[in-house]
Amino acid sequence: MRTTEGSSTAELARAAARDAVAWVMAQPPDRFAIDAQCLVVESGLAPEPPWLRPTKLELVHGARLPEGGYESKYGGGEPSVLWTADAARRLHLDGDAQWLAPALRWLEQRQLRDGSWVESDRVPWGRSWYRAPRAHVWITAAVAQSLYDVQEAAALTARAMTFLERAAGRYGSLAEGPNPELSLRFAGFDLFSTAVVVDLYRLVRRPFPAVTTAAEHLLARQEPDGSWEQAADPTQAVLGALIQLGHARRPEAAAAVRALTRWRNEDGSFTHHPGDPGDWTLTAYTARTLHRYAAAVGDAPATTDGTRRIG
């Protein structure tokens, strides 16, 4: 995206989203790219190519482990809660009851008594946030997104939502307390986790508790350059949360859009570190966020968005 002086922020967002989608869909559909490609298609940002669904299902079946769980894209031979939940959703959509049942049984065995899930430290995670303290909040929200409309998983989802509603119900009091950032982080609501939970509430069409307090807390932690934590993924995630919370037209949102261009490569992809090759997942989620921004401020058509957090 080549920006010109006088371009509106919505125009920048729309162009960057378009270029990012084109980059994602041009990648070979391996175990890393396929989830990003599913995301942009399910966001309504690209038509579904005929190879996408069968390729995704082939990769799902290839990741199945004997105990019923599914290996993540990072490998290691260990089952992943997040990728098993995504596999369950894909099997449900394909009508594959034979393999759906053992996946759900494995998830039931891994669900904690309070309704949450955590990931195993034995998985060779490529990113630190899978192991972050109190990561069970965003992981549980992501699993609930995957299982939300899988009828056979209704009991698992209900327990997860009970856990999340209890956790989110404390958000307002924690954010208004004497040390809100530390309190929220300890409760599992760092910036990234808050964004994932807010997106779940969008999917299930429920109002996020303490909307005003949440937005104020997120805005107060924006850096002077428009980013959050001076990193691409928190920036696109928090921007997405602010859009869902009804704050797309604030100048802070426009500043975040412009800040994201720092992590944009010439080929349209986005990267965690300027100069590195594009990251499939980051590029897909950033494209979705930028498109949502442009749509929210009236400069892009609304699309049918049934996307779920995968990993």
Protein backbone atom coordinates (compact mmCIF):
# COMPACT_ATOMS: atom_id res chain seq x y z
CA MET A 1 0.00 0.00 0.00
CA ARG A 2 1.55 3.25 -1.11
CA THR A 3 0.11 6.05 0.99
CA THR A 4 -0.29 9.57 -0.35
CA GLU A 5 -0.59 12.80 1.58
CA GLY A 6 -4.26 13.56 2.13
CA SER A 7 -5.41 9.93 1.97
CA SER A 8 -8.10 9.26 4.53
CA THR A 9 -7.41 6.71 7.21
CA ALA A 10 -10.33 4.65 5.94
CA GLU A 11 -8.79 4.62 2.45
CA LEU A 12 -5.48 3.44 3.93
CA ALA A 13 -7.24 0.72 5.89
CA ARG A 14 -9.27 -0.48 2.93
CA ALA A 15 -6.23 -0.60 0.61
CA ALA A 16 -4.05 -2.34 3.20
CA ALA A 17 -6.75 -4.93 3.89
CA ARG A 18 -7.13 -5.62 0.17
CA ASP A 19 -3.38 -6.09 -0.34
CA ALA A 20 -3.07 -8.25 2.78
CA VAL A 21 -5.89 -10.54 1.62
CA ALA A 22 -4.27 -10.90 -1.81
CA TRP A 23 -0.97 -11.89 -0.15
CA VAL A 24 -2.61 -14.44 2.15
CA MET A 25 -4.57 -16.13 -0.64
CA ALA A 26 -1.46 -16.32 -2.86
CA GLN A 27 0.50 -18.40 -0.32
CA PRO A 28 0.90 -22.18 -0.72
CA PRO A 29 -1.82 -23.71 1.50
CA ASP A 30 0.39 -25.45 4.06
CA ARG A 31 -0.39 -25.96 7.75
CA PHE A 32 0.60 -22.37 8.52
CA ALA A 33 -1.11 -20.54 5.66
CA ILE A 34 -4.36 -22.53 5.54
CA ASP A 35 -5.81 -21.11 8.76
CA ALA A 36 -5.10 -17.57 7.58
CA GLN A 37 -6.78 -18.37 4.26
CA CYS A 38 -9.83 -19.81 6.05
CA LEU A 39 -10.01 -16.65 8.15
CA VAL A 40 -10.09 -14.20 5.26
CA VAL A 41 -12.64 -16.31 3.38
CA GLU A 42 -14.88 -16.66 6.44
CA SER A 43 -14.55 -12.90 6.99
CA GLY A 44 -16.12 -12.39 3.57
CA LEU A 45 -12.93 -10.77 2.29
CA ALA A 46 -12.22 -13.31 -0.46
CA PRO A 47 -14.28 -15.86 -2.39
CA GLU A 48 -13.77 -19.46 -1.30
CA PRO A 49 -11.46 -21.26 -3.75
CA PRO A 50 -12.42 -24.87 -4.52
CA TRP A 51 -9.23 -26.23 -2.93
CA LEU A 52 -9.64 -24.53 0.45
CA ARG A 53 -12.07 -26.80 2.30
CA PRO A 54 -10.65 -30.16 1.15
CA THR A 55 -7.09 -28.99 1.85
CA LYS A 56 -8.04 -27.83 5.33
CA LEU A 57 -9.79 -31.14 6.08
CA GLU A 58 -6.80 -33.10 4.81
CA LEU A 59 -4.52 -31.17 7.17
CA VAL A 60 -6.99 -31.67 10.04
CA HIS A 61 -7.06 -35.43 9.54
CA GLY A 62 -3.27 -35.49 9.28
CA ALA A 63 -2.97 -33.76 12.66
CA ARG A 64 -5.11 -36.29 14.55
CA LEU A 65 -3.38 -38.01 17.48
CA PRO A 66 -4.31 -41.40 18.99
CA GLU A 67 -5.85 -39.98 22.18
CA GLY A 68 -8.39 -37.91 20.22
CA GLY A 69 -6.67 -34.53 20.30
CA TYR A 70 -5.09 -32.73 17.37
CA GLU A 71 -1.57 -31.42 16.93
CA SER A 72 -1.08 -27.69 16.43
CA LYS A 73 0.58 -26.19 13.38
CA TYR A 74 3.75 -25.93 15.46
CA GLY A 75 4.07 -29.73 15.60
CA GLY A 76 5.79 -31.56 18.41
CA GLY A 77 3.44 -34.52 18.57
CA GLU A 78 1.43 -33.03 21.47
CA PRO A 79 -2.32 -32.36 21.29
CA SER A 80 -3.47 -28.74 21.40
CA VAL A 81 -6.70 -27.49 22.93
CA LEU A 82 -7.00 -24.69 20.37
CA TRP A 83 -6.35 -26.85 17.34
CA THR A 84 -8.57 -29.67 18.60
CA ALA A 85 -11.43 -27.20 19.00
CA ASP A 86 -10.84 -25.90 15.47
CA ALA A 87 -10.69 -29.48 14.19
CA ALA A 88 -14.00 -30.21 15.92
CA ARG A 89 -15.60 -27.27 14.17
CA ARG A 90 -14.27 -28.35 10.78
CA LEU A 91 -15.44 -31.94 11.33
CA HIS A 92 -18.85 -30.64 12.39
CA LEU A 93 -19.16 -28.53 9.24
CA ASP A 94 -18.17 -31.58 7.18
CA GLY A 95 -20.75 -33.78 8.93
CA ASP A 96 -18.02 -36.14 10.15
CA ALA A 97 -19.56 -37.53 13.36
CA GLN A 98 -17.08 -40.44 13.44
CA TRP A 99 -14.11 -38.20 14.27
CA LEU A 100 -16.00 -35.35 15.91
CA ALA A 101 -17.02 -37.46 18.92
CA PRO A 102 -13.48 -38.42 20.06
CA ALA A 103 -12.29 -34.82 19.58
CA LEU A 104 -15.05 -33.56 21.86
CA ARG A 105 -14.35 -36.28 24.41
CA TRP A 106 -10.71 -35.20 24.51
CA LEU A 107 -11.74 -31.57 25.00
CA GLU A 108 -14.11 -32.60 27.78
CA GLN A 109 -11.29 -34.43 29.54
CA ARG A 110 -9.05 -31.37 29.25
CA GLN A 111 -11.66 -28.83 30.43
CA LEU A 112 -10.90 -27.70 33.96
CA ARG A 113 -13.47 -27.77 36.75
CA ASP A 114 -14.12 -24.05 36.43
CA GLY A 115 -14.96 -24.45 32.71
CA SER A 116 -11.69 -23.09 31.33
CA TRP A 117 -8.96 -24.63 29.21
CA VAL A 118 -5.18 -24.19 29.19
CA GLU A 119 -2.58 -25.36 26.73
CA SER A 120 0.21 -27.82 27.41
CA ASP A 121 3.72 -26.47 27.90
CA ARG A 122 4.99 -29.49 25.98
CA VAL A 123 3.76 -28.02 22.70
CA PRO A 124 6.62 -26.12 20.98
CA TRP A 125 4.69 -22.88 20.75
CA GLY A 126 5.99 -20.34 18.28
CA ARG A 127 4.62 -17.38 20.25
CA SER A 128 4.87 -16.50 23.93
CA TRP A 129 1.20 -15.71 24.58
CA TYR A 130 0.20 -19.39 24.56
CA ARG A 131 2.17 -19.76 27.79
CA ALA A 132 1.43 -16.33 29.25
CA PRO A 133 0.31 -16.23 32.89
CA ARG A 134 -3.47 -16.59 33.10
CA ALA A 135 -3.67 -17.38 29.37
CA HIS A 136 -6.66 -19.60 30.14
CA VAL A 137 -9.01 -16.64 29.63
CA TRP A 138 -8.21 -15.99 25.97
CA ILE A 139 -7.69 -19.68 25.22
CA THR A 140 -11.11 -20.51 26.67
CA ALA A 141 -12.67 -17.67 24.67
CA ALA A 142 -11.03 -18.94 21.47
CA VAL A 143 -12.20 -22.51 22.11
CA ALA A 144 -15.73 -21.24 22.81
CA GLN A 145 -15.65 -19.41 19.48
CA SER A 146 -14.79 -22.63 17.66
CA LEU A 147 -17.42 -24.72 19.45
CA TYR A 148 -20.16 -22.11 19.63
CA ASP A 149 -22.48 -23.57 16.98
CA VAL A 150 -21.41 -27.22 17.35
CA GLN A 151 -24.54 -28.69 18.95
CA GLU A 152 -22.72 -31.75 20.25
CA ALA A 153 -20.41 -29.43 22.21
CA ALA A 154 -23.21 -27.39 23.83
CA ALA A 155 -22.41 -28.56 27.37
CA LEU A 156 -18.71 -27.75 26.97
CA THR A 157 -19.50 -24.32 25.56
CA ALA A 158 -22.00 -23.57 28.33
CA ARG A 159 -19.42 -24.33 31.01
CA ALA A 160 -16.84 -22.20 29.19
CA MET A 161 -19.28 -19.27 28.92
CA THR A 162 -20.10 -19.53 32.62
CA PHE A 163 -16.37 -19.23 33.38
CA LEU A 164 -15.92 -16.32 30.97
CA GLU A 165 -18.99 -14.42 32.16
CA ARG A 166 -17.77 -14.75 35.72
CA ALA A 167 -14.31 -13.50 34.69
CA ALA A 168 -15.64 -10.69 32.49
CA GLY A 169 -18.07 -9.67 35.19
CA ARG A 170 -15.10 -8.58 37.31
CA TYR A 171 -13.56 -6.49 34.55
CA GLY A 172 -15.15 -3.21 35.56
CA SER A 173 -14.21 -3.37 39.24
CA LEU A 174 -10.66 -4.45 38.41
CA ALA A 175 -10.21 -1.70 35.80
CA GLU A 176 -11.40 0.91 38.27
CA GLY A 177 -9.25 -0.39 41.15
CA PRO A 178 -5.99 1.03 42.53
CA ASN A 179 -3.72 -0.92 40.15
CA PRO A 180 -5.88 -1.79 37.14
CA GLU A 181 -3.20 -3.01 34.74
CA LEU A 182 -1.68 -5.45 37.22
CA SER A 183 -5.08 -6.58 38.48
CA LEU A 184 -6.44 -7.21 34.99
CA ARG A 185 -3.31 -9.04 33.87
CA PHE A 186 -3.44 -11.26 36.93
CA ALA A 187 -7.10 -12.01 36.15
CA GLY A 188 -6.19 -12.98 32.57
CA PHE A 189 -7.18 -9.75 30.84
CA ASP A 190 -4.02 -8.42 29.24
CA LEU A 191 -4.65 -6.37 26.10
CA PHE A 192 -4.60 -9.33 23.71
CA SER A 193 -6.84 -11.50 25.91
CA THR A 194 -9.36 -8.70 26.35
CA ALA A 195 -9.61 -8.35 22.57
CA VAL A 196 -10.25 -12.09 22.09
CA VAL A 197 -12.98 -12.10 24.75
CA VAL A 198 -14.63 -8.99 23.27
CA ASP A 199 -14.68 -10.72 19.88
CA LEU A 200 -16.37 -13.76 21.42
CA TYR A 201 -19.11 -11.51 22.80
CA ARG A 202 -19.57 -10.16 19.25
CA LEU A 203 -20.02 -13.69 17.94
CA VAL A 204 -22.55 -14.74 20.58
CA ARG A 205 -24.33 -11.35 20.35
CA ARG A 206 -24.01 -10.47 24.00
CA PRO A 207 -22.95 -7.07 25.37
CA PHE A 208 -19.51 -7.09 26.92
CA PRO A 209 -19.71 -6.11 30.62
CA ALA A 210 -18.41 -2.67 31.53
CA VAL A 211 -18.17 -1.51 27.92
CA THR A 212 -17.25 2.08 28.76
CA THR A 213 -14.69 1.08 31.38
CA ALA A 214 -13.09 -1.46 29.03
CA ALA A 215 -12.77 1.08 26.23
CA GLU A 216 -11.29 3.69 28.55
CA HIS A 217 -8.80 1.17 29.92
CA LEU A 218 -7.68 0.12 26.44
CA LEU A 219 -7.41 3.70 25.20
CA ALA A 220 -5.39 4.76 28.23
CA ARG A 221 -2.72 2.20 27.33
CA GLN A 222 -2.21 3.35 23.76
CA GLU A 223 1.35 4.45 23.01
CA PRO A 224 2.08 7.96 21.66
CA ASP A 225 2.81 6.43 18.24
CA GLY A 226 -0.73 4.96 18.06
CA SER A 227 0.24 1.36 18.80
CA TRP A 228 -0.26 -0.83 21.81
CA GLU A 229 2.85 -2.31 23.40
CA GLN A 230 4.69 -1.13 20.26
CA ALA A 231 3.84 -4.42 18.59
CA ALA A 232 1.68 -5.37 15.62
CA ASP A 233 -0.51 -8.10 17.11
CA PRO A 234 -1.66 -6.20 20.23
CA THR A 235 -2.28 -3.15 18.05
CA GLN A 236 -4.53 -4.89 15.56
CA ALA A 237 -6.25 -6.86 18.34
CA VAL A 238 -7.02 -3.82 20.51
CA LEU A 239 -8.12 -1.81 17.49
CA GLY A 240 -10.51 -4.66 16.68
CA ALA A 241 -11.85 -4.59 20.24
CA LEU A 242 -12.41 -0.82 20.11
CA ILE A 243 -14.36 -1.24 16.87
CA GLN A 244 -16.55 -3.89 18.52
CA LEU A 245 -17.04 -1.60 21.53
CA GLY A 246 -18.30 1.19 19.26
CA HIS A 247 -15.23 3.45 19.14
CA ALA A 248 -14.12 3.15 15.50
CA ARG A 249 -14.55 6.87 14.86
CA ARG A 250 -12.31 8.02 17.68
CA PRO A 251 -9.01 9.62 16.62
CA GLU A 252 -7.15 6.96 18.62
CA ALA A 253 -8.53 4.31 16.25
CA ALA A 254 -7.30 6.25 13.22
CA ALA A 255 -3.90 6.56 14.89
CA ALA A 256 -3.80 2.79 15.38
CA VAL A 257 -4.54 2.20 11.69
CA ARG A 258 -1.63 4.39 10.71
CA ALA A 259 0.62 2.78 13.32
CA LEU A 260 -0.02 -0.64 11.79
CA THR A 261 1.65 0.43 8.54
CA ARG A 262 4.99 0.26 10.40
CA TRP A 263 4.73 -3.55 10.30
CA ARG A 264 3.57 -3.76 6.69
CA ASN A 265 5.86 -5.18 4.02
CA GLU A 266 5.95 -4.03 0.40
CA ASP A 267 4.22 -7.26 -0.67
CA GLY A 268 1.17 -6.43 1.45
CA SER A 269 1.91 -8.80 4.32
CA PHE A 270 2.34 -7.84 7.97
CA THR A 271 5.20 -8.93 10.20
CA HIS A 272 6.00 -8.95 13.91
CA HIS A 273 9.39 -7.35 13.26
CA PRO A 274 9.96 -4.82 10.46
CA GLY A 275 12.09 -6.35 7.75
CA ASP A 276 11.08 -9.95 8.51
CA PRO A 277 8.98 -12.00 6.07
CA GLY A 278 5.21 -11.71 6.42
CA ASP A 279 3.38 -13.74 9.05
CA TRP A 280 0.30 -15.59 7.74
CA THR A 281 -1.86 -15.36 10.86
CA LEU A 282 -0.96 -11.79 11.73
CA THR A 283 -1.62 -10.67 8.16
CA ALA A 284 -5.04 -12.32 8.08
CA TYR A 285 -6.17 -10.90 11.42
CA THR A 286 -4.84 -7.45 10.54
CA ALA A 287 -6.69 -7.54 7.22
CA ARG A 288 -9.90 -8.41 9.06
CA THR A 289 -9.39 -5.61 11.60
CA LEU A 290 -8.61 -3.01 8.93
CA HIS A 291 -11.64 -4.03 6.90
CA ARG A 292 -13.84 -3.82 10.00
CA TYR A 293 -12.47 -0.34 10.63
CA ALA A 294 -13.19 0.83 7.09
CA ALA A 295 -16.69 -0.67 7.26
CA ALA A 296 -17.39 0.89 10.67
CA VAL A 297 -16.51 4.40 9.48
CA GLY A 298 -18.53 3.90 6.32
CA ASP A 299 -15.85 3.47 3.68
CA ALA A 300 -16.12 -0.26 2.99
CA PRO A 301 -19.03 -2.63 2.43
CA ALA A 302 -20.08 -4.73 5.39
CA THR A 303 -19.44 -8.46 4.96
CA THR A 304 -20.79 -11.60 6.56
CA ASP A 305 -18.23 -12.30 9.28
CA GLY A 306 -18.44 -15.66 11.02
CA THR A 307 -14.77 -15.89 11.86
CA ARG A 308 -13.43 -17.58 14.99
CA ARG A 309 -10.08 -17.32 16.71
CA ILE A 310 -7.93 -20.35 15.79
CA GLY A 311 -4.52 -19.68 17.30
